[in-house]
Amino acid sequence: MLMKNEKAELSCALNMNFAFRRKVFACLLLFVLPAAMVVGGSVFAAKRTTDQEIFDELNRIVAKQAVAWNAGDLTEFMVPYWNDERLTFSSGGETQRGWERTFNRYKVKYPDRATMGQLTFDHLESQVLGENAVLMLGTWQLQRDKPIGGNFSLVWKQFDGKWLIVHDHSSSKTP
C-alpha cells in the first residue's frame, strides 16, 4: 500500500507525464505532420504526369495512327478512338455519332490505298482542359493523285490510364 507521500509523488509524476505527452503531441501537430505532408506531397507530385509527358504520349499515339493509315489498316487507325456510341466525329458539315458509324464513314470515304494516300500530321499543339481531358489541334495532309489536307481538333479523355479520342472535328481546305 502506498503512503500518503508516495501517492503525492506518483500523482505529480503522472501530471508531469501528461503535460509532457501533451507537449509531444503539440510538437507532432505543429512540426512533424506538416513536414510529412510536404515530403509526401512532393512524392505524389513526382508521380503526377506532367503536361509535357501527356502531350508526348498523345503525339506518339497520333504518329502510330499515321503509320496504320499509311499501311492501309483502318482498324488499327481507329484504336485510339473511344469505342462508344457517344464518340462524335464532325466533318463536311455532318456529325457522326458512335465508333461504328465513324469507322464506316472512313471505309466509305477511303475505300482503297489510292484514296487513302500517305497521311501526315503537322503543327500539333495540345492544351490540358482538366484532370483527364486534352484538346489537340493540328493539320493533316494526304499525299495522293489529288492531294488534300486541312485542320483538325481532337478532344482526348483518359479512361483507366488510357487516352482516347472522344471527339474529332476535321475540316478540309478547298483547293
Protein backbone atom coordinates (compact mmCIF):
# COMPACT_ATOMS: atom_id res chain seq x y z
CA MET A 1 0.00 0.00 0.00
CA LEU A 2 1.24 3.47 -0.92
CA MET A 3 1.81 6.02 1.75
CA LYS A 4 0.37 9.48 1.53
CA ASN A 5 3.68 10.98 0.48
CA GLU A 6 4.24 8.30 -2.21
CA LYS A 7 0.75 8.93 -3.58
CA ALA A 8 1.51 12.62 -3.90
CA GLU A 9 4.78 11.87 -5.72
CA LEU A 10 3.02 9.43 -8.09
CA SER A 11 0.25 11.95 -8.75
CA CYS A 12 2.83 14.63 -9.52
CA ALA A 13 4.73 12.27 -11.84
CA LEU A 14 1.54 11.36 -13.72
CA ASN A 15 0.63 15.03 -14.13
CA MET A 16 4.12 15.77 -15.45
CA ASN A 17 3.86 12.76 -17.75
CA PHE A 18 0.52 14.06 -19.07
CA ALA A 19 1.95 17.54 -19.60
CA PHE A 20 4.96 16.04 -21.38
CA ARG A 21 2.74 13.91 -23.62
CA ARG A 22 0.63 16.96 -24.46
CA LYS A 23 3.77 18.89 -25.48
CA VAL A 24 4.97 15.99 -27.62
CA PHE A 25 1.56 15.77 -29.30
CA ALA A 26 1.59 19.53 -29.95
CA CYS A 27 5.07 19.28 -31.50
CA LEU A 28 3.88 16.47 -33.73
CA LEU A 29 0.95 18.54 -34.92
CA LEU A 30 2.99 21.68 -35.44
CA PHE A 31 6.20 20.34 -36.95
CA VAL A 32 6.27 16.69 -37.88
CA LEU A 33 2.86 16.39 -39.56
CA PRO A 34 3.32 19.43 -41.85
CA ALA A 35 6.81 18.22 -42.77
CA ALA A 36 5.41 14.79 -43.61
CA MET A 37 2.72 16.40 -45.74
CA VAL A 38 5.32 18.42 -47.66
CA VAL A 39 7.50 15.39 -48.23
CA GLY A 40 4.50 13.21 -49.05
CA GLY A 41 3.11 15.89 -51.33
CA SER A 42 6.35 16.09 -53.26
CA VAL A 43 6.32 12.31 -53.66
CA PHE A 44 2.80 12.49 -55.07
CA ALA A 45 3.78 15.42 -57.29
CA ALA A 46 6.66 13.38 -58.65
CA LYS A 47 4.24 10.60 -59.57
CA ARG A 48 1.85 13.02 -61.35
CA THR A 49 2.27 13.03 -65.10
CA THR A 50 3.39 16.41 -66.40
CA ASP A 51 1.52 18.18 -69.19
CA GLN A 52 4.52 17.68 -71.49
CA GLU A 53 4.52 13.92 -70.80
CA ILE A 54 0.83 13.80 -71.72
CA PHE A 55 1.45 15.77 -74.93
CA ASP A 56 4.35 13.48 -75.84
CA GLU A 57 2.15 10.42 -75.30
CA LEU A 58 -0.66 11.84 -77.45
CA ASN A 59 1.83 12.77 -80.18
CA ARG A 60 3.11 9.17 -80.17
CA ILE A 61 -0.45 7.86 -80.48
CA VAL A 62 -1.15 10.17 -83.45
CA ALA A 63 2.14 9.09 -85.06
CA LYS A 64 1.04 5.44 -84.71
CA GLN A 65 -2.25 6.36 -86.34
CA ALA A 66 -0.39 7.78 -89.35
CA VAL A 67 1.67 4.57 -89.61
CA ALA A 68 -1.52 2.46 -89.51
CA TRP A 69 -3.22 4.68 -92.11
CA ASN A 70 -0.21 4.53 -94.41
CA ALA A 71 -0.24 0.72 -94.13
CA GLY A 72 -3.91 0.72 -95.18
CA ASP A 73 -5.04 -0.52 -91.74
CA LEU A 74 -8.17 1.46 -90.83
CA THR A 75 -8.93 -0.87 -87.90
CA GLU A 76 -5.59 -0.05 -86.27
CA PHE A 77 -6.04 3.64 -87.16
CA MET A 78 -9.31 3.60 -85.16
CA VAL A 79 -7.80 2.08 -81.98
CA PRO A 80 -7.36 5.46 -80.22
CA TYR A 81 -10.99 6.40 -80.86
CA TRP A 82 -13.36 5.83 -77.91
CA ASN A 83 -15.32 2.69 -78.80
CA ASP A 84 -18.61 4.10 -77.58
CA GLU A 85 -21.84 5.43 -79.05
CA ARG A 86 -21.03 8.82 -77.52
CA LEU A 87 -17.94 9.29 -79.73
CA THR A 88 -18.52 12.21 -82.13
CA PHE A 89 -16.84 12.88 -85.46
CA SER A 90 -17.63 16.12 -87.30
CA SER A 91 -16.58 16.83 -90.87
CA GLY A 92 -18.11 18.23 -94.04
CA GLY A 93 -20.96 19.83 -92.12
CA GLU A 94 -22.08 16.49 -90.66
CA THR A 95 -21.59 14.80 -87.31
CA GLN A 96 -21.33 11.04 -86.95
CA ARG A 97 -22.10 9.54 -83.57
CA GLY A 98 -20.58 6.32 -82.39
CA TRP A 99 -17.42 4.37 -83.11
CA GLU A 100 -19.01 2.04 -85.68
CA ARG A 101 -20.51 4.90 -87.72
CA THR A 102 -17.20 6.76 -87.65
CA PHE A 103 -15.35 3.63 -88.78
CA ASN A 104 -17.87 3.02 -91.57
CA ARG A 105 -17.55 6.65 -92.72
CA TYR A 106 -13.80 6.18 -93.09
CA LYS A 107 -14.30 2.92 -95.02
CA VAL A 108 -16.74 4.56 -97.46
CA LYS A 109 -14.70 7.75 -97.92
CA TYR A 110 -11.36 5.89 -98.27
CA PRO A 111 -12.18 2.51 -99.86
CA ASP A 112 -8.67 1.71 -101.14
CA ARG A 113 -4.98 2.57 -100.77
CA ALA A 114 -5.06 5.04 -103.66
CA THR A 115 -7.74 7.21 -102.00
CA MET A 116 -6.05 6.84 -98.62
CA GLY A 117 -2.72 8.17 -99.88
CA GLN A 118 0.04 8.91 -97.37
CA LEU A 119 -1.11 10.67 -94.19
CA THR A 120 0.97 13.16 -92.25
CA PHE A 121 0.11 15.26 -89.22
CA ASP A 122 1.83 18.58 -88.53
CA HIS A 123 1.65 21.65 -86.31
CA LEU A 124 0.43 19.65 -83.32
CA GLU A 125 -0.40 21.65 -80.23
CA SER A 126 -2.19 20.49 -77.11
CA GLN A 127 -3.87 22.10 -74.13
CA VAL A 128 -4.93 20.38 -70.92
CA LEU A 129 -8.64 21.02 -70.33
CA GLY A 130 -8.92 19.24 -67.00
CA GLU A 131 -7.50 16.40 -64.97
CA ASN A 132 -8.32 13.82 -67.66
CA ALA A 133 -9.02 15.85 -70.80
CA VAL A 134 -6.85 17.41 -73.51
CA LEU A 135 -7.58 19.41 -76.65
CA MET A 136 -5.23 18.77 -79.58
CA LEU A 137 -5.08 20.95 -82.68
CA GLY A 138 -3.12 20.30 -85.84
CA THR A 139 -3.08 19.92 -89.59
CA TRP A 140 -3.38 16.80 -91.72
CA GLN A 141 -2.31 16.11 -95.29
CA LEU A 142 -2.93 13.22 -97.65
CA GLN A 143 -0.37 12.88 -100.42
CA ARG A 144 -2.07 11.17 -103.37
CA ASP A 145 -3.02 11.89 -107.00
CA LYS A 146 -5.15 14.78 -105.80
CA PRO A 147 -3.56 15.91 -102.50
CA ILE A 148 -5.88 17.10 -99.77
CA GLY A 149 -5.40 18.46 -96.28
CA GLY A 150 -6.87 20.59 -93.58
CA ASN A 151 -7.17 21.24 -89.88
CA PHE A 152 -8.36 19.04 -87.05
CA SER A 153 -9.20 19.30 -83.40
CA LEU A 154 -9.31 16.25 -81.16
CA VAL A 155 -10.71 16.05 -77.67
CA TRP A 156 -8.92 13.33 -75.72
CA LYS A 157 -10.15 11.83 -72.47
CA GLN A 158 -8.30 9.45 -70.20
CA PHE A 159 -10.12 6.26 -69.25
CA ASP A 160 -8.38 3.98 -66.73
CA GLY A 161 -4.98 5.40 -67.68
CA LYS A 162 -5.58 5.15 -71.44
CA TRP A 163 -6.03 8.25 -73.65
CA LEU A 164 -8.86 8.00 -76.18
CA ILE A 165 -10.34 10.42 -78.73
CA VAL A 166 -13.90 11.31 -77.72
CA HIS A 167 -14.41 13.98 -80.39
CA ASP A 168 -12.78 14.59 -83.78
CA HIS A 169 -13.55 17.66 -85.87
CA SER A 170 -11.69 17.59 -89.18
CA SER A 171 -12.01 20.12 -91.97
CA SER A 172 -10.59 20.21 -95.49
CA LYS A 173 -9.01 23.14 -97.24
CA THR A 174 -10.69 23.84 -100.52
CA PRO A 175 -8.16 23.67 -103.38
